[in-house]
Amino acid sequence: MPGGSADATPEETAAEEIHEETGFYLDPSRLHAVSARQLAGTLSSHKSHLYSAELDKEEVEWFKSQDGVVHGIEEDTERTFVEVYTVSQLINEDIVDWSTLGMIVSVVGKYRL
């Protein structure tokens, strides 16, 4: 789940971060706003804007093909890697933290409920 901040709209920032951290260009118009909430309310005033986008089979395969490929901004010493998992894997295995899992489940629940 790419994340970051910039002097742009939340949608433009999300699209820029997706490209920067994965190498995939996603037009901001494809993003669907899910919610925005404060993160770690007792520790920080940071707010996260959560978006989703539907990918076609070819796009999913492209993401899978990025296994082991380094992305990010080298001059900022940012090194990111694309990993593709099913929601079931994320729920049943120790892959992501509770906050990230909660964001993912809120997106899935919005479209499946």
N, C-alpha and C. Protein backbone atom coordinates (compact mmCIF):
# COMPACT_ATOMS: atom_id res chain seq x y z
N MET A 1 0.84 -1.16 0.00
CA MET A 1 0.00 0.00 0.00
C MET A 1 0.89 1.23 0.00
N PRO A 2 1.08 1.81 -1.16
CA PRO A 2 1.92 3.01 -1.24
C PRO A 2 1.37 4.14 -0.38
N GLY A 3 2.24 4.95 0.13
CA GLY A 3 1.83 6.08 0.93
C GLY A 3 2.85 7.19 0.87
N GLY A 4 2.41 8.40 1.17
CA GLY A 4 3.31 9.53 1.17
C GLY A 4 2.54 10.82 1.25
N SER A 5 3.24 11.91 1.05
CA SER A 5 2.59 13.22 1.07
C SER A 5 3.19 14.08 -0.02
N ALA A 6 2.41 15.07 -0.46
CA ALA A 6 2.86 15.98 -1.51
C ALA A 6 1.96 17.21 -1.50
N ASP A 7 2.38 18.21 -2.24
CA ASP A 7 1.58 19.43 -2.38
C ASP A 7 0.65 19.28 -3.58
N ALA A 8 -0.28 18.36 -3.49
CA ALA A 8 -1.23 18.09 -4.57
C ALA A 8 -2.53 17.59 -3.94
N THR A 9 -3.53 17.34 -4.75
CA THR A 9 -4.76 16.79 -4.21
C THR A 9 -4.48 15.38 -3.69
N PRO A 10 -5.30 14.89 -2.76
CA PRO A 10 -5.07 13.52 -2.28
C PRO A 10 -5.06 12.49 -3.42
N GLU A 11 -5.92 12.66 -4.42
CA GLU A 11 -5.96 11.72 -5.55
C GLU A 11 -4.67 11.77 -6.36
N GLU A 12 -4.18 12.99 -6.63
CA GLU A 12 -2.94 13.12 -7.38
C GLU A 12 -1.76 12.57 -6.58
N THR A 13 -1.78 12.81 -5.28
CA THR A 13 -0.72 12.29 -4.42
C THR A 13 -0.73 10.77 -4.43
N ALA A 14 -1.92 10.18 -4.32
CA ALA A 14 -2.03 8.72 -4.33
C ALA A 14 -1.48 8.15 -5.64
N ALA A 15 -1.87 8.74 -6.77
CA ALA A 15 -1.39 8.26 -8.08
C ALA A 15 0.12 8.42 -8.20
N GLU A 16 0.67 9.54 -7.70
CA GLU A 16 2.12 9.76 -7.74
C GLU A 16 2.85 8.72 -6.89
N GLU A 17 2.32 8.43 -5.72
CA GLU A 17 2.95 7.46 -4.83
C GLU A 17 2.89 6.05 -5.42
N ILE A 18 1.78 5.70 -6.05
CA ILE A 18 1.68 4.39 -6.70
C ILE A 18 2.78 4.26 -7.75
N HIS A 19 2.94 5.31 -8.56
CA HIS A 19 3.95 5.26 -9.61
C HIS A 19 5.36 5.21 -9.02
N GLU A 20 5.60 6.06 -8.03
CA GLU A 20 6.92 6.14 -7.42
C GLU A 20 7.32 4.83 -6.75
N GLU A 21 6.38 4.20 -6.06
CA GLU A 21 6.72 3.03 -5.25
C GLU A 21 6.52 1.69 -5.95
N THR A 22 5.85 1.70 -7.12
CA THR A 22 5.64 0.44 -7.84
C THR A 22 6.07 0.48 -9.29
N GLY A 23 6.23 1.68 -9.86
CA GLY A 23 6.55 1.80 -11.28
C GLY A 23 5.34 1.75 -12.18
N PHE A 24 4.15 1.66 -11.60
CA PHE A 24 2.89 1.56 -12.36
C PHE A 24 2.20 2.91 -12.38
N TYR A 25 1.86 3.36 -13.59
CA TYR A 25 1.11 4.62 -13.69
C TYR A 25 -0.37 4.33 -13.65
N LEU A 26 -1.07 4.94 -12.72
CA LEU A 26 -2.51 4.81 -12.58
C LEU A 26 -3.11 6.20 -12.66
N ASP A 27 -3.96 6.42 -13.64
CA ASP A 27 -4.60 7.72 -13.77
C ASP A 27 -5.42 8.01 -12.51
N PRO A 28 -5.26 9.21 -11.93
CA PRO A 28 -6.01 9.54 -10.71
C PRO A 28 -7.52 9.38 -10.84
N SER A 29 -8.04 9.48 -12.05
CA SER A 29 -9.50 9.34 -12.24
C SER A 29 -9.98 7.91 -11.97
N ARG A 30 -9.06 6.94 -11.95
CA ARG A 30 -9.43 5.55 -11.65
C ARG A 30 -9.53 5.27 -10.16
N LEU A 31 -9.10 6.20 -9.35
CA LEU A 31 -9.11 6.01 -7.91
C LEU A 31 -10.49 6.30 -7.33
N HIS A 32 -10.91 5.45 -6.42
CA HIS A 32 -12.19 5.61 -5.73
C HIS A 32 -11.91 5.88 -4.25
N ALA A 33 -12.40 7.02 -3.77
CA ALA A 33 -12.20 7.37 -2.36
C ALA A 33 -12.97 6.39 -1.49
N VAL A 34 -12.31 5.82 -0.49
CA VAL A 34 -12.95 4.90 0.44
C VAL A 34 -13.24 5.62 1.75
N SER A 35 -12.21 6.21 2.33
CA SER A 35 -12.39 6.96 3.58
C SER A 35 -11.10 7.71 3.89
N ALA A 36 -11.20 8.58 4.88
CA ALA A 36 -10.04 9.28 5.40
C ALA A 36 -10.17 9.28 6.91
N ARG A 37 -9.12 8.86 7.60
CA ARG A 37 -9.15 8.77 9.06
C ARG A 37 -7.80 9.14 9.63
N GLN A 38 -7.85 9.56 10.87
CA GLN A 38 -6.63 9.84 11.61
C GLN A 38 -5.96 8.50 11.93
N LEU A 39 -4.64 8.47 11.80
CA LEU A 39 -3.86 7.27 12.12
C LEU A 39 -3.34 7.38 13.54
N ALA A 40 -3.37 6.30 14.27
CA ALA A 40 -2.81 6.25 15.63
C ALA A 40 -3.25 7.47 16.43
N GLY A 41 -4.55 7.62 16.59
CA GLY A 41 -5.16 8.80 17.20
C GLY A 41 -4.52 9.27 18.49
N THR A 42 -4.01 8.39 19.32
CA THR A 42 -3.43 8.82 20.59
C THR A 42 -1.96 9.21 20.45
N LEU A 43 -1.37 8.95 19.29
CA LEU A 43 0.05 9.22 19.12
C LEU A 43 0.37 10.30 18.09
N SER A 44 -0.55 10.55 17.17
CA SER A 44 -0.23 11.39 16.02
C SER A 44 -1.49 12.05 15.47
N SER A 45 -1.30 13.16 14.78
CA SER A 45 -2.44 13.81 14.12
C SER A 45 -2.45 13.51 12.62
N HIS A 46 -1.60 12.60 12.17
CA HIS A 46 -1.57 12.25 10.74
C HIS A 46 -2.89 11.63 10.31
N LYS A 47 -3.27 11.97 9.10
CA LYS A 47 -4.52 11.45 8.53
C LYS A 47 -4.19 10.68 7.26
N SER A 48 -4.85 9.55 7.08
CA SER A 48 -4.65 8.72 5.89
C SER A 48 -5.89 8.79 5.01
N HIS A 49 -5.68 9.04 3.74
CA HIS A 49 -6.74 9.01 2.74
C HIS A 49 -6.64 7.68 2.02
N LEU A 50 -7.67 6.87 2.10
CA LEU A 50 -7.65 5.52 1.55
C LEU A 50 -8.41 5.49 0.23
N TYR A 51 -7.75 4.97 -0.80
CA TYR A 51 -8.34 4.85 -2.13
C TYR A 51 -8.24 3.42 -2.61
N SER A 52 -9.11 3.08 -3.54
CA SER A 52 -9.02 1.78 -4.20
C SER A 52 -9.11 2.00 -5.70
N ALA A 53 -8.66 1.01 -6.44
CA ALA A 53 -8.78 1.01 -7.90
C ALA A 53 -8.91 -0.43 -8.35
N GLU A 54 -9.76 -0.65 -9.31
CA GLU A 54 -9.92 -2.00 -9.86
C GLU A 54 -8.88 -2.21 -10.95
N LEU A 55 -8.19 -3.33 -10.87
CA LEU A 55 -7.17 -3.68 -11.86
C LEU A 55 -7.68 -4.81 -12.73
N ASP A 56 -7.31 -4.77 -14.01
CA ASP A 56 -7.68 -5.88 -14.87
C ASP A 56 -6.63 -6.99 -14.75
N LYS A 57 -6.88 -8.12 -15.39
CA LYS A 57 -5.98 -9.28 -15.25
C LYS A 57 -4.57 -8.96 -15.71
N GLU A 58 -4.44 -8.21 -16.81
CA GLU A 58 -3.12 -7.87 -17.32
C GLU A 58 -2.36 -6.99 -16.33
N GLU A 59 -3.05 -6.07 -15.68
CA GLU A 59 -2.41 -5.21 -14.70
C GLU A 59 -1.96 -6.01 -13.48
N VAL A 60 -2.79 -6.93 -13.03
CA VAL A 60 -2.40 -7.78 -11.90
C VAL A 60 -1.17 -8.61 -12.27
N GLU A 61 -1.15 -9.15 -13.48
CA GLU A 61 0.02 -9.93 -13.93
C GLU A 61 1.26 -9.05 -13.99
N TRP A 62 1.10 -7.79 -14.41
CA TRP A 62 2.24 -6.88 -14.44
C TRP A 62 2.80 -6.71 -13.02
N PHE A 63 1.90 -6.49 -12.04
CA PHE A 63 2.37 -6.35 -10.66
C PHE A 63 3.10 -7.61 -10.20
N LYS A 64 2.56 -8.77 -10.54
CA LYS A 64 3.22 -10.03 -10.17
C LYS A 64 4.60 -10.13 -10.80
N SER A 65 4.76 -9.59 -12.00
CA SER A 65 6.04 -9.66 -12.71
C SER A 65 7.10 -8.77 -12.07
N GLN A 66 6.72 -7.91 -11.16
CA GLN A 66 7.66 -6.99 -10.51
C GLN A 66 8.33 -7.59 -9.29
N ASP A 67 8.07 -8.85 -9.01
CA ASP A 67 8.68 -9.52 -7.86
C ASP A 67 10.19 -9.39 -7.93
N GLY A 68 10.78 -8.80 -6.91
CA GLY A 68 12.23 -8.64 -6.85
C GLY A 68 12.77 -7.40 -7.52
N VAL A 69 11.92 -6.64 -8.21
CA VAL A 69 12.34 -5.41 -8.88
C VAL A 69 12.31 -4.26 -7.87
N VAL A 70 13.38 -3.50 -7.81
CA VAL A 70 13.46 -2.37 -6.88
C VAL A 70 12.79 -1.15 -7.50
N HIS A 71 11.94 -0.50 -6.69
CA HIS A 71 11.30 0.76 -7.09
C HIS A 71 11.62 1.79 -6.02
N GLY A 72 11.14 3.01 -6.22
CA GLY A 72 11.36 4.08 -5.25
C GLY A 72 12.31 5.11 -5.80
N ILE A 73 12.60 6.11 -4.98
CA ILE A 73 13.49 7.20 -5.37
C ILE A 73 14.86 6.96 -4.76
N GLU A 74 15.81 6.57 -5.61
CA GLU A 74 17.13 6.18 -5.12
C GLU A 74 17.83 7.30 -4.35
N GLU A 75 17.71 8.56 -4.86
CA GLU A 75 18.41 9.65 -4.18
C GLU A 75 17.85 9.92 -2.78
N ASP A 76 16.64 9.44 -2.50
CA ASP A 76 16.06 9.52 -1.16
C ASP A 76 16.30 8.23 -0.38
N THR A 77 17.10 7.35 -0.94
CA THR A 77 17.37 6.01 -0.38
C THR A 77 16.10 5.22 -0.14
N GLU A 78 15.10 5.47 -0.98
CA GLU A 78 13.84 4.74 -0.88
C GLU A 78 13.92 3.51 -1.78
N ARG A 79 13.72 2.35 -1.19
CA ARG A 79 13.72 1.10 -1.94
C ARG A 79 12.42 0.38 -1.60
N THR A 80 11.58 0.22 -2.59
CA THR A 80 10.30 -0.47 -2.37
C THR A 80 10.19 -1.65 -3.33
N PHE A 81 9.44 -2.64 -2.89
CA PHE A 81 9.24 -3.85 -3.67
C PHE A 81 7.76 -4.16 -3.73
N VAL A 82 7.30 -4.65 -4.87
CA VAL A 82 5.90 -5.03 -5.05
C VAL A 82 5.72 -6.47 -4.59
N GLU A 83 4.70 -6.70 -3.77
CA GLU A 83 4.34 -8.04 -3.34
C GLU A 83 2.83 -8.19 -3.55
N VAL A 84 2.40 -9.30 -4.09
CA VAL A 84 0.98 -9.54 -4.36
C VAL A 84 0.50 -10.70 -3.49
N TYR A 85 -0.56 -10.44 -2.72
CA TYR A 85 -1.15 -11.45 -1.84
C TYR A 85 -2.67 -11.43 -1.99
N THR A 86 -3.30 -12.52 -1.62
CA THR A 86 -4.76 -12.54 -1.55
C THR A 86 -5.18 -11.99 -0.19
N VAL A 87 -6.43 -11.56 -0.08
CA VAL A 87 -6.93 -11.07 1.20
C VAL A 87 -6.87 -12.19 2.24
N SER A 88 -7.17 -13.40 1.82
CA SER A 88 -7.10 -14.54 2.74
C SER A 88 -5.69 -14.71 3.30
N GLN A 89 -4.68 -14.59 2.48
CA GLN A 89 -3.30 -14.69 2.95
C GLN A 89 -3.00 -13.59 3.97
N LEU A 90 -3.46 -12.39 3.69
CA LEU A 90 -3.20 -11.27 4.59
C LEU A 90 -3.87 -11.46 5.95
N ILE A 91 -5.07 -12.04 5.94
CA ILE A 91 -5.79 -12.27 7.18
C ILE A 91 -5.18 -13.42 7.97
N ASN A 92 -4.79 -14.49 7.29
CA ASN A 92 -4.36 -15.71 7.96
C ASN A 92 -2.87 -15.83 8.23
N GLU A 93 -2.07 -15.00 7.60
CA GLU A 93 -0.62 -15.06 7.79
C GLU A 93 -0.14 -13.74 8.40
N ASP A 94 1.00 -13.77 9.01
CA ASP A 94 1.56 -12.59 9.66
C ASP A 94 2.35 -11.77 8.64
N ILE A 95 1.62 -11.10 7.72
CA ILE A 95 2.26 -10.38 6.63
C ILE A 95 2.23 -8.87 6.84
N VAL A 96 1.10 -8.35 7.31
CA VAL A 96 0.94 -6.91 7.51
C VAL A 96 0.50 -6.60 8.94
N ASP A 97 0.67 -5.35 9.34
CA ASP A 97 0.24 -4.95 10.68
C ASP A 97 -1.28 -4.77 10.71
N TRP A 98 -1.83 -4.63 11.93
CA TRP A 98 -3.27 -4.53 12.11
C TRP A 98 -3.85 -3.30 11.41
N SER A 99 -3.14 -2.20 11.45
CA SER A 99 -3.63 -0.97 10.82
C SER A 99 -3.78 -1.16 9.30
N THR A 100 -2.76 -1.73 8.68
CA THR A 100 -2.81 -1.97 7.24
C THR A 100 -3.91 -2.97 6.91
N LEU A 101 -4.00 -4.04 7.68
CA LEU A 101 -5.04 -5.04 7.45
C LEU A 101 -6.42 -4.41 7.57
N GLY A 102 -6.61 -3.54 8.55
CA GLY A 102 -7.89 -2.86 8.71
C GLY A 102 -8.25 -2.03 7.50
N MET A 103 -7.27 -1.33 6.92
CA MET A 103 -7.53 -0.53 5.73
C MET A 103 -7.92 -1.43 4.55
N ILE A 104 -7.22 -2.52 4.39
CA ILE A 104 -7.52 -3.44 3.28
C ILE A 104 -8.91 -4.03 3.44
N VAL A 105 -9.25 -4.48 4.64
CA VAL A 105 -10.57 -5.08 4.88
C VAL A 105 -11.68 -4.05 4.69
N SER A 106 -11.43 -2.79 5.04
CA SER A 106 -12.46 -1.77 4.84
C SER A 106 -12.74 -1.55 3.36
N VAL A 107 -11.72 -1.67 2.51
CA VAL A 107 -11.93 -1.55 1.06
C VAL A 107 -12.71 -2.76 0.54
N VAL A 108 -12.25 -3.94 0.90
CA VAL A 108 -12.91 -5.17 0.43
C VAL A 108 -14.35 -5.20 0.91
N GLY A 109 -14.58 -4.85 2.16
CA GLY A 109 -15.94 -4.86 2.71
C GLY A 109 -16.85 -3.88 2.02
N LYS A 110 -16.32 -2.76 1.60
CA LYS A 110 -17.14 -1.75 0.92
C LYS A 110 -17.71 -2.28 -0.38
N TYR A 111 -16.95 -3.11 -1.06
CA TYR A 111 -17.38 -3.61 -2.37
C TYR A 111 -18.03 -4.96 -2.31
N ARG A 112 -17.92 -5.67 -1.20
CA ARG A 112 -18.51 -7.01 -1.10
C ARG A 112 -19.78 -7.03 -0.25
N LEU A 113 -20.02 -5.99 0.54
CA LEU A 113 -21.18 -5.97 1.43
C LEU A 113 -22.39 -5.35 0.75
